Amino acid sequence: MSKFNQIAAFGKELMALNDMDNALELIAKEAKNMVGADRCSIL
């Protein structure tokens, strides 16, 4: 999957969420996946 498709799929998934806590968890997960990191922290 290209980065553009990955970002588009992430945006669609993010817009479908109603809860901020779930959104932050999704953002952290996607940031890890995009850069290949083991951990991600959102302050």
PDB file of N, CA and C in Angstrom:
ATOM      1  N   MET A   1       0.852  -1.182   0.000  1.00  0.00           N
ATOM      2  CA  MET A   1       0.000   0.000   0.000  1.00  0.00           C
ATOM      3  C   MET A   1       0.894   1.240   0.000  1.00  0.00           C
ATOM      4  N   SER A   2       0.592   2.184  -0.867  1.00  0.00           N
ATOM      5  CA  SER A   2       1.403   3.399  -0.918  1.00  0.00           C
ATOM      6  C   SER A   2       1.120   4.271   0.299  1.00  0.00           C
ATOM      7  N   LYS A   3       2.045   5.165   0.584  1.00  0.00           N
ATOM      8  CA  LYS A   3       1.873   6.070   1.739  1.00  0.00           C
ATOM      9  C   LYS A   3       0.620   6.920   1.593  1.00  0.00           C
ATOM     10  N   PHE A   4       0.330   7.359   0.365  1.00  0.00           N
ATOM     11  CA  PHE A   4      -0.867   8.178   0.157  1.00  0.00           C
ATOM     12  C   PHE A   4      -2.130   7.392   0.473  1.00  0.00           C
ATOM     13  N   ASN A   5      -2.185   6.142   0.034  1.00  0.00           N
ATOM     14  CA  ASN A   5      -3.351   5.299   0.336  1.00  0.00           C
ATOM     15  C   ASN A   5      -3.437   5.020   1.826  1.00  0.00           C
ATOM     16  N   GLN A   6      -2.295   4.822   2.465  1.00  0.00           N
ATOM     17  CA  GLN A   6      -2.261   4.565   3.904  1.00  0.00           C
ATOM     18  C   GLN A   6      -2.782   5.788   4.663  1.00  0.00           C
ATOM     19  N   ILE A   7      -2.355   6.972   4.266  1.00  0.00           N
ATOM     20  CA  ILE A   7      -2.809   8.207   4.911  1.00  0.00           C
ATOM     21  C   ILE A   7      -4.307   8.415   4.668  1.00  0.00           C
ATOM     22  N   ALA A   8      -4.785   8.123   3.464  1.00  0.00           N
ATOM     23  CA  ALA A   8      -6.208   8.279   3.159  1.00  0.00           C
ATOM     24  C   ALA A   8      -7.049   7.323   4.000  1.00  0.00           C
ATOM     25  N   ALA A   9      -6.615   6.083   4.116  1.00  0.00           N
ATOM     26  CA  ALA A   9      -7.342   5.105   4.925  1.00  0.00           C
ATOM     27  C   ALA A   9      -7.355   5.524   6.389  1.00  0.00           C
ATOM     28  N   PHE A  10      -6.227   6.055   6.867  1.00  0.00           N
ATOM     29  CA  PHE A  10      -6.146   6.551   8.239  1.00  0.00           C
ATOM     30  C   PHE A  10      -7.123   7.705   8.454  1.00  0.00           C
ATOM     31  N   GLY A  11      -7.182   8.632   7.529  1.00  0.00           N
ATOM     32  CA  GLY A  11      -8.086   9.770   7.636  1.00  0.00           C
ATOM     33  C   GLY A  11      -9.545   9.341   7.701  1.00  0.00           C
ATOM     34  N   LYS A  12      -9.911   8.376   6.880  1.00  0.00           N
ATOM     35  CA  LYS A  12     -11.284   7.863   6.893  1.00  0.00           C
ATOM     36  C   LYS A  12     -11.604   7.212   8.234  1.00  0.00           C
ATOM     37  N   GLU A  13     -10.668   6.414   8.733  1.00  0.00           N
ATOM     38  CA  GLU A  13     -10.881   5.745  10.018  1.00  0.00           C
ATOM     39  C   GLU A  13     -10.971   6.767  11.154  1.00  0.00           C
ATOM     40  N   LEU A  14     -10.114   7.784  11.110  1.00  0.00           N
ATOM     41  CA  LEU A  14     -10.107   8.819  12.143  1.00  0.00           C
ATOM     42  C   LEU A  14     -11.415   9.611  12.149  1.00  0.00           C
ATOM     43  N   MET A  15     -11.925   9.943  10.966  1.00  0.00           N
ATOM     44  CA  MET A  15     -13.154  10.727  10.879  1.00  0.00           C
ATOM     45  C   MET A  15     -14.373   9.939  11.353  1.00  0.00           C
ATOM     46  N   ALA A  16     -14.283   8.616  11.350  1.00  0.00           N
ATOM     47  CA  ALA A  16     -15.409   7.789  11.786  1.00  0.00           C
ATOM     48  C   ALA A  16     -15.500   7.668  13.304  1.00  0.00           C
ATOM     49  N   LEU A  17     -14.448   8.082  14.007  1.00  0.00           N
ATOM     50  CA  LEU A  17     -14.433   7.963  15.466  1.00  0.00           C
ATOM     51  C   LEU A  17     -15.193   9.110  16.122  1.00  0.00           C
ATOM     52  N   ASN A  18     -15.812   8.802  17.256  1.00  0.00           N
ATOM     53  CA  ASN A  18     -16.558   9.822  17.998  1.00  0.00           C
ATOM     54  C   ASN A  18     -15.894  10.185  19.319  1.00  0.00           C
ATOM     55  N   ASP A  19     -14.942   9.390  19.769  1.00  0.00           N
ATOM     56  CA  ASP A  19     -14.341   9.553  21.089  1.00  0.00           C
ATOM     57  C   ASP A  19     -12.889  10.021  20.955  1.00  0.00           C
ATOM     58  N   MET A  20     -12.529  11.083  21.667  1.00  0.00           N
ATOM     59  CA  MET A  20     -11.181  11.642  21.585  1.00  0.00           C
ATOM     60  C   MET A  20     -10.122  10.642  22.044  1.00  0.00           C
ATOM     61  N   ASP A  21     -10.408   9.872  23.083  1.00  0.00           N
ATOM     62  CA  ASP A  21      -9.431   8.890  23.562  1.00  0.00           C
ATOM     63  C   ASP A  21      -9.117   7.865  22.487  1.00  0.00           C
ATOM     64  N   ASN A  22     -10.131   7.405  21.784  1.00  0.00           N
ATOM     65  CA  ASN A  22      -9.905   6.455  20.702  1.00  0.00           C
ATOM     66  C   ASN A  22      -9.139   7.103  19.558  1.00  0.00           C
ATOM     67  N   ALA A  23      -9.416   8.379  19.296  1.00  0.00           N
ATOM     68  CA  ALA A  23      -8.721   9.085  18.227  1.00  0.00           C
ATOM     69  C   ALA A  23      -7.235   9.213  18.544  1.00  0.00           C
ATOM     70  N   LEU A  24      -6.907   9.547  19.783  1.00  0.00           N
ATOM     71  CA  LEU A  24      -5.497   9.674  20.153  1.00  0.00           C
ATOM     72  C   LEU A  24      -4.773   8.335  20.049  1.00  0.00           C
ATOM     73  N   GLU A  25      -5.443   7.277  20.450  1.00  0.00           N
ATOM     74  CA  GLU A  25      -4.851   5.936  20.341  1.00  0.00           C
ATOM     75  C   GLU A  25      -4.619   5.570  18.877  1.00  0.00           C
ATOM     76  N   LEU A  26      -5.574   5.884  18.018  1.00  0.00           N
ATOM     77  CA  LEU A  26      -5.427   5.607  16.589  1.00  0.00           C
ATOM     78  C   LEU A  26      -4.284   6.420  15.983  1.00  0.00           C
ATOM     79  N   ILE A  27      -4.174   7.686  16.354  1.00  0.00           N
ATOM     80  CA  ILE A  27      -3.099   8.546  15.843  1.00  0.00           C
ATOM     81  C   ILE A  27      -1.738   7.986  16.246  1.00  0.00           C
ATOM     82  N   ALA A  28      -1.606   7.574  17.501  1.00  0.00           N
ATOM     83  CA  ALA A  28      -0.341   7.014  17.977  1.00  0.00           C
ATOM     84  C   ALA A  28      -0.006   5.737  17.218  1.00  0.00           C
ATOM     85  N   LYS A  29      -0.997   4.872  17.036  1.00  0.00           N
ATOM     86  CA  LYS A  29      -0.779   3.605  16.323  1.00  0.00           C
ATOM     87  C   LYS A  29      -0.345   3.864  14.889  1.00  0.00           C
ATOM     88  N   GLU A  30      -1.019   4.784  14.221  1.00  0.00           N
ATOM     89  CA  GLU A  30      -0.707   5.071  12.822  1.00  0.00           C
ATOM     90  C   GLU A  30       0.654   5.747  12.680  1.00  0.00           C
ATOM     91  N   ALA A  31       1.006   6.620  13.618  1.00  0.00           N
ATOM     92  CA  ALA A  31       2.330   7.255  13.578  1.00  0.00           C
ATOM     93  C   ALA A  31       3.425   6.199  13.704  1.00  0.00           C
ATOM     94  N   LYS A  32       3.230   5.233  14.588  1.00  0.00           N
ATOM     95  CA  LYS A  32       4.197   4.129  14.740  1.00  0.00           C
ATOM     96  C   LYS A  32       4.324   3.357  13.438  1.00  0.00           C
ATOM     97  N   ASN A  33       3.199   3.040  12.827  1.00  0.00           N
ATOM     98  CA  ASN A  33       3.216   2.261  11.591  1.00  0.00           C
ATOM     99  C   ASN A  33       3.895   3.006  10.450  1.00  0.00           C
ATOM    100  N   MET A  34       3.654   4.297  10.346  1.00  0.00           N
ATOM    101  CA  MET A  34       4.197   5.069   9.226  1.00  0.00           C
ATOM    102  C   MET A  34       5.709   5.201   9.283  1.00  0.00           C
ATOM    103  N   VAL A  35       6.249   5.317  10.478  1.00  0.00           N
ATOM    104  CA  VAL A  35       7.701   5.501  10.602  1.00  0.00           C
ATOM    105  C   VAL A  35       8.430   4.228  11.029  1.00  0.00           C
ATOM    106  N   GLY A  36       7.669   3.172  11.292  1.00  0.00           N
ATOM    107  CA  GLY A  36       8.291   1.907  11.678  1.00  0.00           C
ATOM    108  C   GLY A  36       8.860   1.923  13.094  1.00  0.00           C
ATOM    109  N   ALA A  37       8.262   2.691  13.991  1.00  0.00           N
ATOM    110  CA  ALA A  37       8.747   2.805  15.362  1.00  0.00           C
ATOM    111  C   ALA A  37       8.150   1.700  16.231  1.00  0.00           C
ATOM    112  N   ASP A  38       8.810   1.422  17.340  1.00  0.00           N
ATOM    113  CA  ASP A  38       8.316   0.455  18.296  1.00  0.00           C
ATOM    114  C   ASP A  38       7.305   1.078  19.263  1.00  0.00           C
ATOM    115  N   ARG A  39       7.503   2.375  19.545  1.00  0.00           N
ATOM    116  CA  ARG A  39       6.639   3.070  20.512  1.00  0.00           C
ATOM    117  C   ARG A  39       6.309   4.456  19.986  1.00  0.00           C
ATOM    118  N   CYS A  40       5.213   5.007  20.494  1.00  0.00           N
ATOM    119  CA  CYS A  40       4.841   6.379  20.179  1.00  0.00           C
ATOM    120  C   CYS A  40       4.130   6.972  21.383  1.00  0.00           C
ATOM    121  N   SER A  41       4.484   8.177  21.732  1.00  0.00           N
ATOM    122  CA  SER A  41       3.879   8.834  22.882  1.00  0.00           C
ATOM    123  C   SER A  41       3.277  10.149  22.438  1.00  0.00           C
ATOM    124  N   ILE A  42       2.031  10.377  22.826  1.00  0.00           N
ATOM    125  CA  ILE A  42       1.375  11.657  22.549  1.00  0.00           C
ATOM    126  C   ILE A  42       1.213  12.363  23.882  1.00  0.00           C
ATOM    127  N   LEU A  43       1.797  13.522  23.992  1.00  0.00           N
ATOM    128  CA  LEU A  43       1.721  14.275  25.244  1.00  0.00           C
ATOM    129  C   LEU A  43       0.593  15.261  25.198  1.00  0.00           C
TER     130      LEU A  43
END
